[in-house]
Amino acid sequence: MTYKQISMDEAKQIFESGADGSYIILDVRRSDEFADGHIPRAINVANESIGAEAPAELTDKNQLIYVYCRSGNRSKQAAEKLAALGYTNIVEFGGIIDWTGEIEK
């Protein structure tokens, strides 16, 4: 495995602590799902759109990127694909169905 996994609770604590804010929260659901509600500060790059080339939104392959989806399935796929593309700091934390924090629309 070339990415790390943490629990939704761990991710929530990191985001709420404000850490240093130099990370990206990546929602890999479809854009319509993202529009229905997402974790604050998240950006949307659909898992299906991650292919052989690095997504334009993710320019720094060493940037810390937290990845989630609806249930945790697509986020694992996306994390694997990003790792295969050379991203070095991917953390997968499951699905928004387990998120107890704020939701932004």
PDB file of N, CA and C in Angstrom:
ATOM      1  N   MET A   1       0.852  -1.194   0.000  1.00  0.00           N
ATOM      2  CA  MET A   1       0.000   0.000   0.000  1.00  0.00           C
ATOM      3  C   MET A   1       0.891   1.249   0.000  1.00  0.00           C
ATOM      4  N   THR A   2       0.531   2.182  -0.828  1.00  0.00           N
ATOM      5  CA  THR A   2       1.375   3.363  -0.966  1.00  0.00           C
ATOM      6  C   THR A   2       0.686   4.620  -0.453  1.00  0.00           C
ATOM      7  N   TYR A   3      -0.367   4.416   0.313  1.00  0.00           N
ATOM      8  CA  TYR A   3      -1.015   5.562   0.956  1.00  0.00           C
ATOM      9  C   TYR A   3      -1.358   5.148   2.379  1.00  0.00           C
ATOM     10  N   LYS A   4      -1.694   6.120   3.201  1.00  0.00           N
ATOM     11  CA  LYS A   4      -1.986   5.860   4.597  1.00  0.00           C
ATOM     12  C   LYS A   4      -3.496   5.938   4.811  1.00  0.00           C
ATOM     13  N   GLN A   5      -3.998   5.197   5.788  1.00  0.00           N
ATOM     14  CA  GLN A   5      -5.418   5.285   6.127  1.00  0.00           C
ATOM     15  C   GLN A   5      -5.555   5.733   7.576  1.00  0.00           C
ATOM     16  N   ILE A   6      -6.492   6.640   7.805  1.00  0.00           N
ATOM     17  CA  ILE A   6      -6.825   7.037   9.168  1.00  0.00           C
ATOM     18  C   ILE A   6      -8.340   6.990   9.310  1.00  0.00           C
ATOM     19  N   SER A   7      -8.810   7.057  10.532  1.00  0.00           N
ATOM     20  CA  SER A   7     -10.257   7.025  10.741  1.00  0.00           C
ATOM     21  C   SER A   7     -10.864   8.401  10.489  1.00  0.00           C
ATOM     22  N   MET A   8     -12.168   8.406  10.286  1.00  0.00           N
ATOM     23  CA  MET A   8     -12.905   9.652  10.109  1.00  0.00           C
ATOM     24  C   MET A   8     -12.720  10.552  11.335  1.00  0.00           C
ATOM     25  N   ASP A   9     -12.722   9.949  12.537  1.00  0.00           N
ATOM     26  CA  ASP A   9     -12.529  10.733  13.764  1.00  0.00           C
ATOM     27  C   ASP A   9     -11.157  11.401  13.793  1.00  0.00           C
ATOM     28  N   GLU A  10     -10.129  10.647  13.389  1.00  0.00           N
ATOM     29  CA  GLU A  10      -8.781  11.225  13.344  1.00  0.00           C
ATOM     30  C   GLU A  10      -8.734  12.400  12.371  1.00  0.00           C
ATOM     31  N   ALA A  11      -9.343  12.209  11.202  1.00  0.00           N
ATOM     32  CA  ALA A  11      -9.354  13.279  10.196  1.00  0.00           C
ATOM     33  C   ALA A  11     -10.068  14.506  10.752  1.00  0.00           C
ATOM     34  N   LYS A  12     -11.204  14.281  11.397  1.00  0.00           N
ATOM     35  CA  LYS A  12     -11.990  15.395  11.938  1.00  0.00           C
ATOM     36  C   LYS A  12     -11.162  16.183  12.962  1.00  0.00           C
ATOM     37  N   GLN A  13     -10.434  15.471  13.814  1.00  0.00           N
ATOM     38  CA  GLN A  13      -9.592  16.141  14.812  1.00  0.00           C
ATOM     39  C   GLN A  13      -8.511  16.985  14.137  1.00  0.00           C
ATOM     40  N   ILE A  14      -7.906  16.438  13.102  1.00  0.00           N
ATOM     41  CA  ILE A  14      -6.861  17.179  12.375  1.00  0.00           C
ATOM     42  C   ILE A  14      -7.448  18.450  11.767  1.00  0.00           C
ATOM     43  N   PHE A  15      -8.602  18.325  11.095  1.00  0.00           N
ATOM     44  CA  PHE A  15      -9.203  19.481  10.431  1.00  0.00           C
ATOM     45  C   PHE A  15      -9.662  20.520  11.453  1.00  0.00           C
ATOM     46  N   GLU A  16     -10.211  20.063  12.577  1.00  0.00           N
ATOM     47  CA  GLU A  16     -10.712  21.004  13.581  1.00  0.00           C
ATOM     48  C   GLU A  16      -9.586  21.688  14.341  1.00  0.00           C
ATOM     49  N   SER A  17      -8.443  21.008  14.464  1.00  0.00           N
ATOM     50  CA  SER A  17      -7.317  21.612  15.180  1.00  0.00           C
ATOM     51  C   SER A  17      -6.703  22.720  14.332  1.00  0.00           C
ATOM     52  N   GLY A  18      -7.095  22.752  13.052  1.00  0.00           N
ATOM     53  CA  GLY A  18      -6.558  23.766  12.159  1.00  0.00           C
ATOM     54  C   GLY A  18      -5.169  23.413  11.665  1.00  0.00           C
ATOM     55  N   ALA A  19      -4.565  22.368  12.275  1.00  0.00           N
ATOM     56  CA  ALA A  19      -3.190  21.962  11.935  1.00  0.00           C
ATOM     57  C   ALA A  19      -2.458  23.173  11.368  1.00  0.00           C
ATOM     58  N   ASP A  20      -1.778  23.030  10.264  1.00  0.00           N
ATOM     59  CA  ASP A  20      -1.156  24.225   9.676  1.00  0.00           C
ATOM     60  C   ASP A  20      -1.890  24.624   8.402  1.00  0.00           C
ATOM     61  N   GLY A  21      -2.928  23.875   8.060  1.00  0.00           N
ATOM     62  CA  GLY A  21      -3.754  24.239   6.915  1.00  0.00           C
ATOM     63  C   GLY A  21      -3.093  24.047   5.566  1.00  0.00           C
ATOM     64  N   SER A  22      -1.918  23.424   5.545  1.00  0.00           N
ATOM     65  CA  SER A  22      -1.213  23.296   4.261  1.00  0.00           C
ATOM     66  C   SER A  22      -1.568  21.988   3.557  1.00  0.00           C
ATOM     67  N   TYR A  23      -2.708  21.439   3.889  1.00  0.00           N
ATOM     68  CA  TYR A  23      -3.138  20.192   3.259  1.00  0.00           C
ATOM     69  C   TYR A  23      -4.339  20.462   2.350  1.00  0.00           C
ATOM     70  N   ILE A  24      -4.635  19.475   1.519  1.00  0.00           N
ATOM     71  CA  ILE A  24      -5.820  19.537   0.657  1.00  0.00           C
ATOM     72  C   ILE A  24      -6.781  18.459   1.133  1.00  0.00           C
ATOM     73  N   ILE A  25      -8.061  18.810   1.207  1.00  0.00           N
ATOM     74  CA  ILE A  25      -9.097  17.810   1.457  1.00  0.00           C
ATOM     75  C   ILE A  25      -9.722  17.528   0.091  1.00  0.00           C
ATOM     76  N   LEU A  26      -9.625  16.288  -0.347  1.00  0.00           N
ATOM     77  CA  LEU A  26     -10.050  15.923  -1.693  1.00  0.00           C
ATOM     78  C   LEU A  26     -11.279  15.021  -1.650  1.00  0.00           C
ATOM     79  N   ASP A  27     -12.352  15.503  -2.218  1.00  0.00           N
ATOM     80  CA  ASP A  27     -13.597  14.743  -2.329  1.00  0.00           C
ATOM     81  C   ASP A  27     -13.601  14.127  -3.722  1.00  0.00           C
ATOM     82  N   VAL A  28     -13.646  12.790  -3.794  1.00  0.00           N
ATOM     83  CA  VAL A  28     -13.557  12.134  -5.105  1.00  0.00           C
ATOM     84  C   VAL A  28     -14.909  11.602  -5.591  1.00  0.00           C
ATOM     85  N   ARG A  29     -16.003  12.163  -5.042  1.00  0.00           N
ATOM     86  CA  ARG A  29     -17.341  11.804  -5.531  1.00  0.00           C
ATOM     87  C   ARG A  29     -17.637  12.586  -6.807  1.00  0.00           C
ATOM     88  N   ARG A  30     -18.763  12.249  -7.447  1.00  0.00           N
ATOM     89  CA  ARG A  30     -19.182  13.003  -8.633  1.00  0.00           C
ATOM     90  C   ARG A  30     -19.532  14.437  -8.234  1.00  0.00           C
ATOM     91  N   SER A  31     -19.509  15.342  -9.198  1.00  0.00           N
ATOM     92  CA  SER A  31     -19.766  16.760  -8.903  1.00  0.00           C
ATOM     93  C   SER A  31     -21.169  16.996  -8.343  1.00  0.00           C
ATOM     94  N   ASP A  32     -22.151  16.196  -8.777  1.00  0.00           N
ATOM     95  CA  ASP A  32     -23.504  16.382  -8.236  1.00  0.00           C
ATOM     96  C   ASP A  32     -23.560  15.976  -6.758  1.00  0.00           C
ATOM     97  N   GLU A  33     -22.810  14.926  -6.390  1.00  0.00           N
ATOM     98  CA  GLU A  33     -22.753  14.506  -4.991  1.00  0.00           C
ATOM     99  C   GLU A  33     -22.051  15.586  -4.156  1.00  0.00           C
ATOM    100  N   PHE A  34     -20.979  16.123  -4.704  1.00  0.00           N
ATOM    101  CA  PHE A  34     -20.213  17.183  -4.030  1.00  0.00           C
ATOM    102  C   PHE A  34     -21.113  18.391  -3.767  1.00  0.00           C
ATOM    103  N   ALA A  35     -21.923  18.754  -4.761  1.00  0.00           N
ATOM    104  CA  ALA A  35     -22.815  19.910  -4.653  1.00  0.00           C
ATOM    105  C   ALA A  35     -23.880  19.707  -3.573  1.00  0.00           C
ATOM    106  N   ASP A  36     -24.237  18.453  -3.318  1.00  0.00           N
ATOM    107  CA  ASP A  36     -25.241  18.155  -2.287  1.00  0.00           C
ATOM    108  C   ASP A  36     -24.713  18.389  -0.874  1.00  0.00           C
ATOM    109  N   GLY A  37     -23.401  18.480  -0.731  1.00  0.00           N
ATOM    110  CA  GLY A  37     -22.815  18.735   0.579  1.00  0.00           C
ATOM    111  C   GLY A  37     -21.463  18.071   0.694  1.00  0.00           C
ATOM    112  N   HIS A  38     -20.491  18.807   1.239  1.00  0.00           N
ATOM    113  CA  HIS A  38     -19.132  18.284   1.356  1.00  0.00           C
ATOM    114  C   HIS A  38     -18.472  18.847   2.612  1.00  0.00           C
ATOM    115  N   ILE A  39     -17.331  18.279   2.945  1.00  0.00           N
ATOM    116  CA  ILE A  39     -16.556  18.749   4.093  1.00  0.00           C
ATOM    117  C   ILE A  39     -16.003  20.141   3.756  1.00  0.00           C
ATOM    118  N   PRO A  40     -16.115  21.093   4.688  1.00  0.00           N
ATOM    119  CA  PRO A  40     -15.603  22.446   4.407  1.00  0.00           C
ATOM    120  C   PRO A  40     -14.146  22.413   3.932  1.00  0.00           C
ATOM    121  N   ARG A  41     -13.834  23.293   2.963  1.00  0.00           N
ATOM    122  CA  ARG A  41     -12.487  23.430   2.358  1.00  0.00           C
ATOM    123  C   ARG A  41     -12.166  22.349   1.338  1.00  0.00           C
ATOM    124  N   ALA A  42     -13.045  21.354   1.172  1.00  0.00           N
ATOM    125  CA  ALA A  42     -12.742  20.269   0.233  1.00  0.00           C
ATOM    126  C   ALA A  42     -12.783  20.770  -1.203  1.00  0.00           C
ATOM    127  N   ILE A  43     -11.939  20.147  -2.032  1.00  0.00           N
ATOM    128  CA  ILE A  43     -12.030  20.375  -3.473  1.00  0.00           C
ATOM    129  C   ILE A  43     -12.517  19.073  -4.100  1.00  0.00           C
ATOM    130  N   ASN A  44     -13.081  19.170  -5.285  1.00  0.00           N
ATOM    131  CA  ASN A  44     -13.705  18.015  -5.908  1.00  0.00           C
ATOM    132  C   ASN A  44     -12.971  17.611  -7.177  1.00  0.00           C
ATOM    133  N   VAL A  45     -12.454  16.379  -7.175  1.00  0.00           N
ATOM    134  CA  VAL A  45     -11.910  15.751  -8.385  1.00  0.00           C
ATOM    135  C   VAL A  45     -12.485  14.341  -8.386  1.00  0.00           C
ATOM    136  N   ALA A  46     -13.410  14.076  -9.295  1.00  0.00           N
ATOM    137  CA  ALA A  46     -14.084  12.776  -9.302  1.00  0.00           C
ATOM    138  C   ALA A  46     -13.087  11.642  -9.518  1.00  0.00           C
ATOM    139  N   ASN A  47     -13.256  10.562  -8.757  1.00  0.00           N
ATOM    140  CA  ASN A  47     -12.399   9.382  -8.895  1.00  0.00           C
ATOM    141  C   ASN A  47     -12.319   8.944 -10.354  1.00  0.00           C
ATOM    142  N   GLU A  48     -13.468   8.956 -11.040  1.00  0.00           N
ATOM    143  CA  GLU A  48     -13.521   8.500 -12.435  1.00  0.00           C
ATOM    144  C   GLU A  48     -12.639   9.346 -13.362  1.00  0.00           C
ATOM    145  N   SER A  49     -12.363  10.582 -12.946  1.00  0.00           N
ATOM    146  CA  SER A  49     -11.575  11.465 -13.815  1.00  0.00           C
ATOM    147  C   SER A  49     -10.070  11.328 -13.579  1.00  0.00           C
ATOM    148  N   ILE A  50      -9.678  10.580 -12.550  1.00  0.00           N
ATOM    149  CA  ILE A  50      -8.245  10.398 -12.276  1.00  0.00           C
ATOM    150  C   ILE A  50      -7.758   9.245 -13.136  1.00  0.00           C
ATOM    151  N   GLY A  51      -6.896   9.583 -14.084  1.00  0.00           N
ATOM    152  CA  GLY A  51      -6.444   8.561 -15.025  1.00  0.00           C
ATOM    153  C   GLY A  51      -4.935   8.494 -15.073  1.00  0.00           C
ATOM    154  N   ALA A  52      -4.404   8.551 -16.283  1.00  0.00           N
ATOM    155  CA  ALA A  52      -2.962   8.405 -16.479  1.00  0.00           C
ATOM    156  C   ALA A  52      -2.196   9.692 -16.203  1.00  0.00           C
ATOM    157  N   GLU A  53      -2.918  10.800 -16.093  1.00  0.00           N
ATOM    158  CA  GLU A  53      -2.240  12.074 -15.874  1.00  0.00           C
ATOM    159  C   GLU A  53      -2.650  12.665 -14.535  1.00  0.00           C
ATOM    160  N   ALA A  54      -1.732  13.386 -13.932  1.00  0.00           N
ATOM    161  CA  ALA A  54      -2.008  14.026 -12.657  1.00  0.00           C
ATOM    162  C   ALA A  54      -3.137  15.043 -12.826  1.00  0.00           C
ATOM    163  N   PRO A  55      -4.112  15.058 -11.902  1.00  0.00           N
ATOM    164  CA  PRO A  55      -5.185  16.057 -11.997  1.00  0.00           C
ATOM    165  C   PRO A  55      -4.625  17.479 -11.939  1.00  0.00           C
ATOM    166  N   ALA A  56      -5.164  18.352 -12.761  1.00  0.00           N
ATOM    167  CA  ALA A  56      -4.682  19.739 -12.831  1.00  0.00           C
ATOM    168  C   ALA A  56      -4.790  20.452 -11.489  1.00  0.00           C
ATOM    169  N   GLU A  57      -5.776  20.057 -10.672  1.00  0.00           N
ATOM    170  CA  GLU A  57      -5.985  20.710  -9.383  1.00  0.00           C
ATOM    171  C   GLU A  57      -4.909  20.344  -8.363  1.00  0.00           C
ATOM    172  N   LEU A  58      -4.193  19.257  -8.613  1.00  0.00           N
ATOM    173  CA  LEU A  58      -3.215  18.747  -7.647  1.00  0.00           C
ATOM    174  C   LEU A  58      -1.812  18.880  -8.223  1.00  0.00           C
ATOM    175  N   THR A  59      -1.262  20.070  -8.121  1.00  0.00           N
ATOM    176  CA  THR A  59       0.003  20.359  -8.790  1.00  0.00           C
ATOM    177  C   THR A  59       1.233  19.868  -8.020  1.00  0.00           C
ATOM    178  N   ASP A  60       1.134  19.786  -6.694  1.00  0.00           N
ATOM    179  CA  ASP A  60       2.296  19.420  -5.879  1.00  0.00           C
ATOM    180  C   ASP A  60       2.173  17.966  -5.431  1.00  0.00           C
ATOM    181  N   LYS A  61       3.023  17.111  -5.973  1.00  0.00           N
ATOM    182  CA  LYS A  61       2.923  15.679  -5.665  1.00  0.00           C
ATOM    183  C   LYS A  61       3.387  15.335  -4.260  1.00  0.00           C
ATOM    184  N   ASN A  62       3.995  16.299  -3.556  1.00  0.00           N
ATOM    185  CA  ASN A  62       4.423  16.059  -2.177  1.00  0.00           C
ATOM    186  C   ASN A  62       3.467  16.672  -1.158  1.00  0.00           C
ATOM    187  N   GLN A  63       2.449  17.350  -1.653  1.00  0.00           N
ATOM    188  CA  GLN A  63       1.459  17.981  -0.771  1.00  0.00           C
ATOM    189  C   GLN A  63       0.680  16.915  -0.002  1.00  0.00           C
ATOM    190  N   LEU A  64       0.355  17.208   1.239  1.00  0.00           N
ATOM    191  CA  LEU A  64      -0.474  16.312   2.038  1.00  0.00           C
ATOM    192  C   LEU A  64      -1.912  16.398   1.525  1.00  0.00           C
ATOM    193  N   ILE A  65      -2.468  15.261   1.109  1.00  0.00           N
ATOM    194  CA  ILE A  65      -3.821  15.228   0.540  1.00  0.00           C
ATOM    195  C   ILE A  65      -4.654  14.196   1.298  1.00  0.00           C
ATOM    196  N   TYR A  66      -5.750  14.682   1.886  1.00  0.00           N
ATOM    197  CA  TYR A  66      -6.701  13.799   2.577  1.00  0.00           C
ATOM    198  C   TYR A  66      -7.829  13.476   1.598  1.00  0.00           C
ATOM    199  N   VAL A  67      -8.090  12.191   1.377  1.00  0.00           N
ATOM    200  CA  VAL A  67      -9.044  11.764   0.347  1.00  0.00           C
ATOM    201  C   VAL A  67     -10.258  11.081   0.979  1.00  0.00           C
ATOM    202  N   TYR A  68     -11.452  11.494   0.543  1.00  0.00           N
ATOM    203  CA  TYR A  68     -12.669  10.805   0.983  1.00  0.00           C
ATOM    204  C   TYR A  68     -13.678  10.743  -0.156  1.00  0.00           C
ATOM    205  N   CYS A  69     -14.709   9.884   0.033  1.00  0.00           N
ATOM    206  CA  CYS A  69     -15.793   9.774  -0.941  1.00  0.00           C
ATOM    207  C   CYS A  69     -17.101   9.626  -0.179  1.00  0.00           C
ATOM    208  N   ARG A  70     -18.013   8.815  -0.674  1.00  0.00           N
ATOM    209  CA  ARG A  70     -19.277   8.637   0.039  1.00  0.00           C
ATOM    210  C   ARG A  70     -19.149   7.575   1.134  1.00  0.00           C
ATOM    211  N   SER A  71     -18.615   6.405   0.756  1.00  0.00           N
ATOM    212  CA  SER A  71     -18.577   5.296   1.712  1.00  0.00           C
ATOM    213  C   SER A  71     -17.170   4.781   2.013  1.00  0.00           C
ATOM    214  N   GLY A  72     -16.171   5.207   1.238  1.00  0.00           N
ATOM    215  CA  GLY A  72     -14.804   4.747   1.452  1.00  0.00           C
ATOM    216  C   GLY A  72     -14.257   3.892   0.330  1.00  0.00           C
ATOM    217  N   ASN A  73     -15.102   3.519  -0.625  1.00  0.00           N
ATOM    218  CA  ASN A  73     -14.660   2.665  -1.729  1.00  0.00           C
ATOM    219  C   ASN A  73     -13.884   3.463  -2.782  1.00  0.00           C
ATOM    220  N   ARG A  74     -14.508   4.509  -3.306  1.00  0.00           N
ATOM    221  CA  ARG A  74     -13.843   5.317  -4.344  1.00  0.00           C
ATOM    222  C   ARG A  74     -12.618   6.032  -3.805  1.00  0.00           C
ATOM    223  N   SER A  75     -12.642   6.400  -2.514  1.00  0.00           N
ATOM    224  CA  SER A  75     -11.471   7.105  -1.960  1.00  0.00           C
ATOM    225  C   SER A  75     -10.251   6.182  -1.946  1.00  0.00           C
ATOM    226  N   LYS A  76     -10.467   4.890  -1.684  1.00  0.00           N
ATOM    227  CA  LYS A  76      -9.354   3.936  -1.730  1.00  0.00           C
ATOM    228  C   LYS A  76      -8.839   3.804  -3.168  1.00  0.00           C
ATOM    229  N   GLN A  77      -9.768   3.711  -4.127  1.00  0.00           N
ATOM    230  CA  GLN A  77      -9.360   3.619  -5.541  1.00  0.00           C
ATOM    231  C   GLN A  77      -8.571   4.869  -5.941  1.00  0.00           C
ATOM    232  N   ALA A  78      -9.096   6.028  -5.574  1.00  0.00           N
ATOM    233  CA  ALA A  78      -8.438   7.285  -5.940  1.00  0.00           C
ATOM    234  C   ALA A  78      -7.071   7.388  -5.280  1.00  0.00           C
ATOM    235  N   ALA A  79      -6.974   6.983  -4.009  1.00  0.00           N
ATOM    236  CA  ALA A  79      -5.689   7.041  -3.300  1.00  0.00           C
ATOM    237  C   ALA A  79      -4.659   6.156  -4.006  1.00  0.00           C
ATOM    238  N   GLU A  80      -5.089   4.968  -4.432  1.00  0.00           N
ATOM    239  CA  GLU A  80      -4.179   4.072  -5.156  1.00  0.00           C
ATOM    240  C   GLU A  80      -3.735   4.693  -6.473  1.00  0.00           C
ATOM    241  N   LYS A  81      -4.684   5.286  -7.193  1.00  0.00           N
ATOM    242  CA  LYS A  81      -4.347   5.894  -8.488  1.00  0.00           C
ATOM    243  C   LYS A  81      -3.391   7.069  -8.305  1.00  0.00           C
ATOM    244  N   LEU A  82      -3.654   7.902  -7.290  1.00  0.00           N
ATOM    245  CA  LEU A  82      -2.776   9.054  -7.041  1.00  0.00           C
ATOM    246  C   LEU A  82      -1.372   8.591  -6.651  1.00  0.00           C
ATOM    247  N   ALA A  83      -1.298   7.563  -5.807  1.00  0.00           N
ATOM    248  CA  ALA A  83       0.007   7.022  -5.422  1.00  0.00           C
ATOM    249  C   ALA A  83       0.747   6.496  -6.651  1.00  0.00           C
ATOM    250  N   ALA A  84       0.020   5.836  -7.553  1.00  0.00           N
ATOM    251  CA  ALA A  84       0.625   5.306  -8.779  1.00  0.00           C
ATOM    252  C   ALA A  84       1.119   6.436  -9.683  1.00  0.00           C
ATOM    253  N   LEU A  85       0.485   7.611  -9.576  1.00  0.00           N
ATOM    254  CA  LEU A  85       0.905   8.769 -10.371  1.00  0.00           C
ATOM    255  C   LEU A  85       2.082   9.512  -9.738  1.00  0.00           C
ATOM    256  N   GLY A  86       2.532   9.030  -8.576  1.00  0.00           N
ATOM    257  CA  GLY A  86       3.713   9.629  -7.959  1.00  0.00           C
ATOM    258  C   GLY A  86       3.428  10.561  -6.792  1.00  0.00           C
ATOM    259  N   TYR A  87       2.190  10.647  -6.347  1.00  0.00           N
ATOM    260  CA  TYR A  87       1.894  11.456  -5.155  1.00  0.00           C
ATOM    261  C   TYR A  87       2.423  10.715  -3.930  1.00  0.00           C
ATOM    262  N   THR A  88       3.060  11.449  -3.032  1.00  0.00           N
ATOM    263  CA  THR A  88       3.801  10.802  -1.944  1.00  0.00           C
ATOM    264  C   THR A  88       3.152  10.937  -0.574  1.00  0.00           C
ATOM    265  N   ASN A  89       2.104  11.743  -0.457  1.00  0.00           N
ATOM    266  CA  ASN A  89       1.584  12.071   0.869  1.00  0.00           C
ATOM    267  C   ASN A  89       0.055  11.971   0.897  1.00  0.00           C
ATOM    268  N   ILE A  90      -0.462  10.790   0.540  1.00  0.00           N
ATOM    269  CA  ILE A  90      -1.907  10.580   0.434  1.00  0.00           C
ATOM    270  C   ILE A  90      -2.419   9.923   1.718  1.00  0.00           C
ATOM    271  N   VAL A  91      -3.498  10.475   2.262  1.00  0.00           N
ATOM    272  CA  VAL A  91      -4.142   9.883   3.429  1.00  0.00           C
ATOM    273  C   VAL A  91      -5.614   9.674   3.105  1.00  0.00           C
ATOM    274  N   GLU A  92      -6.053   8.428   3.165  1.00  0.00           N
ATOM    275  CA  GLU A  92      -7.443   8.087   2.850  1.00  0.00           C
ATOM    276  C   GLU A  92      -8.197   7.964   4.167  1.00  0.00           C
ATOM    277  N   PHE A  93      -9.381   8.624   4.250  1.00  0.00           N
ATOM    278  CA  PHE A  93     -10.111   8.567   5.524  1.00  0.00           C
ATOM    279  C   PHE A  93     -11.582   8.192   5.379  1.00  0.00           C
ATOM    280  N   GLY A  94     -11.924   7.449   4.337  1.00  0.00           N
ATOM    281  CA  GLY A  94     -13.253   6.856   4.272  1.00  0.00           C
ATOM    282  C   GLY A  94     -14.311   7.686   3.589  1.00  0.00           C
ATOM    283  N   GLY A  95     -15.539   7.563   4.123  1.00  0.00           N
ATOM    284  CA  GLY A  95     -16.681   8.163   3.451  1.00  0.00           C
ATOM    285  C   GLY A  95     -17.401   9.205   4.280  1.00  0.00           C
ATOM    286  N   ILE A  96     -17.991  10.145   3.571  1.00  0.00           N
ATOM    287  CA  ILE A  96     -18.698  11.253   4.224  1.00  0.00           C
ATOM    288  C   ILE A  96     -19.924  10.743   4.995  1.00  0.00           C
ATOM    289  N   ILE A  97     -20.389   9.536   4.710  1.00  0.00           N
ATOM    290  CA  ILE A  97     -21.527   9.011   5.470  1.00  0.00           C
ATOM    291  C   ILE A  97     -21.173   8.841   6.945  1.00  0.00           C
ATOM    292  N   ASP A  98     -19.872   8.776   7.264  1.00  0.00           N
ATOM    293  CA  ASP A  98     -19.441   8.659   8.656  1.00  0.00           C
ATOM    294  C   ASP A  98     -18.988   9.984   9.258  1.00  0.00           C
ATOM    295  N   TRP A  99     -19.083  11.051   8.497  1.00  0.00           N
ATOM    296  CA  TRP A  99     -18.607  12.369   8.935  1.00  0.00           C
ATOM    297  C   TRP A  99     -19.614  12.982   9.903  1.00  0.00           C
ATOM    298  N   THR A 100     -19.134  13.442  11.052  1.00  0.00           N
ATOM    299  CA  THR A 100     -20.044  14.035  12.048  1.00  0.00           C
ATOM    300  C   THR A 100     -19.840  15.535  12.157  1.00  0.00           C
ATOM    301  N   GLY A 101     -18.920  16.055  11.376  1.00  0.00           N
ATOM    302  CA  GLY A 101     -18.638  17.495  11.416  1.00  0.00           C
ATOM    303  C   GLY A 101     -19.569  18.294  10.522  1.00  0.00           C
ATOM    304  N   GLU A 102     -19.166  19.525  10.321  1.00  0.00           N
ATOM    305  CA  GLU A 102     -19.938  20.463   9.515  1.00  0.00           C
ATOM    306  C   GLU A 102     -19.966  20.019   8.053  1.00  0.00           C
ATOM    307  N   ILE A 103     -21.066  20.344   7.390  1.00  0.00           N
ATOM    308  CA  ILE A 103     -21.201  20.066   5.952  1.00  0.00           C
ATOM    309  C   ILE A 103     -21.432  21.412   5.253  1.00  0.00           C
ATOM    310  N   GLU A 104     -20.753  21.576   4.146  1.00  0.00           N
ATOM    311  CA  GLU A 104     -20.852  22.826   3.388  1.00  0.00           C
ATOM    312  C   GLU A 104     -21.540  22.515   2.073  1.00  0.00           C
ATOM    313  N   LYS A 105     -22.398  23.446   1.610  1.00  0.00           N
ATOM    314  CA  LYS A 105     -23.054  23.252   0.305  1.00  0.00           C
ATOM    315  C   LYS A 105     -22.738  24.402  -0.612  1.00  0.00           C
TER     316      LYS A 105
END
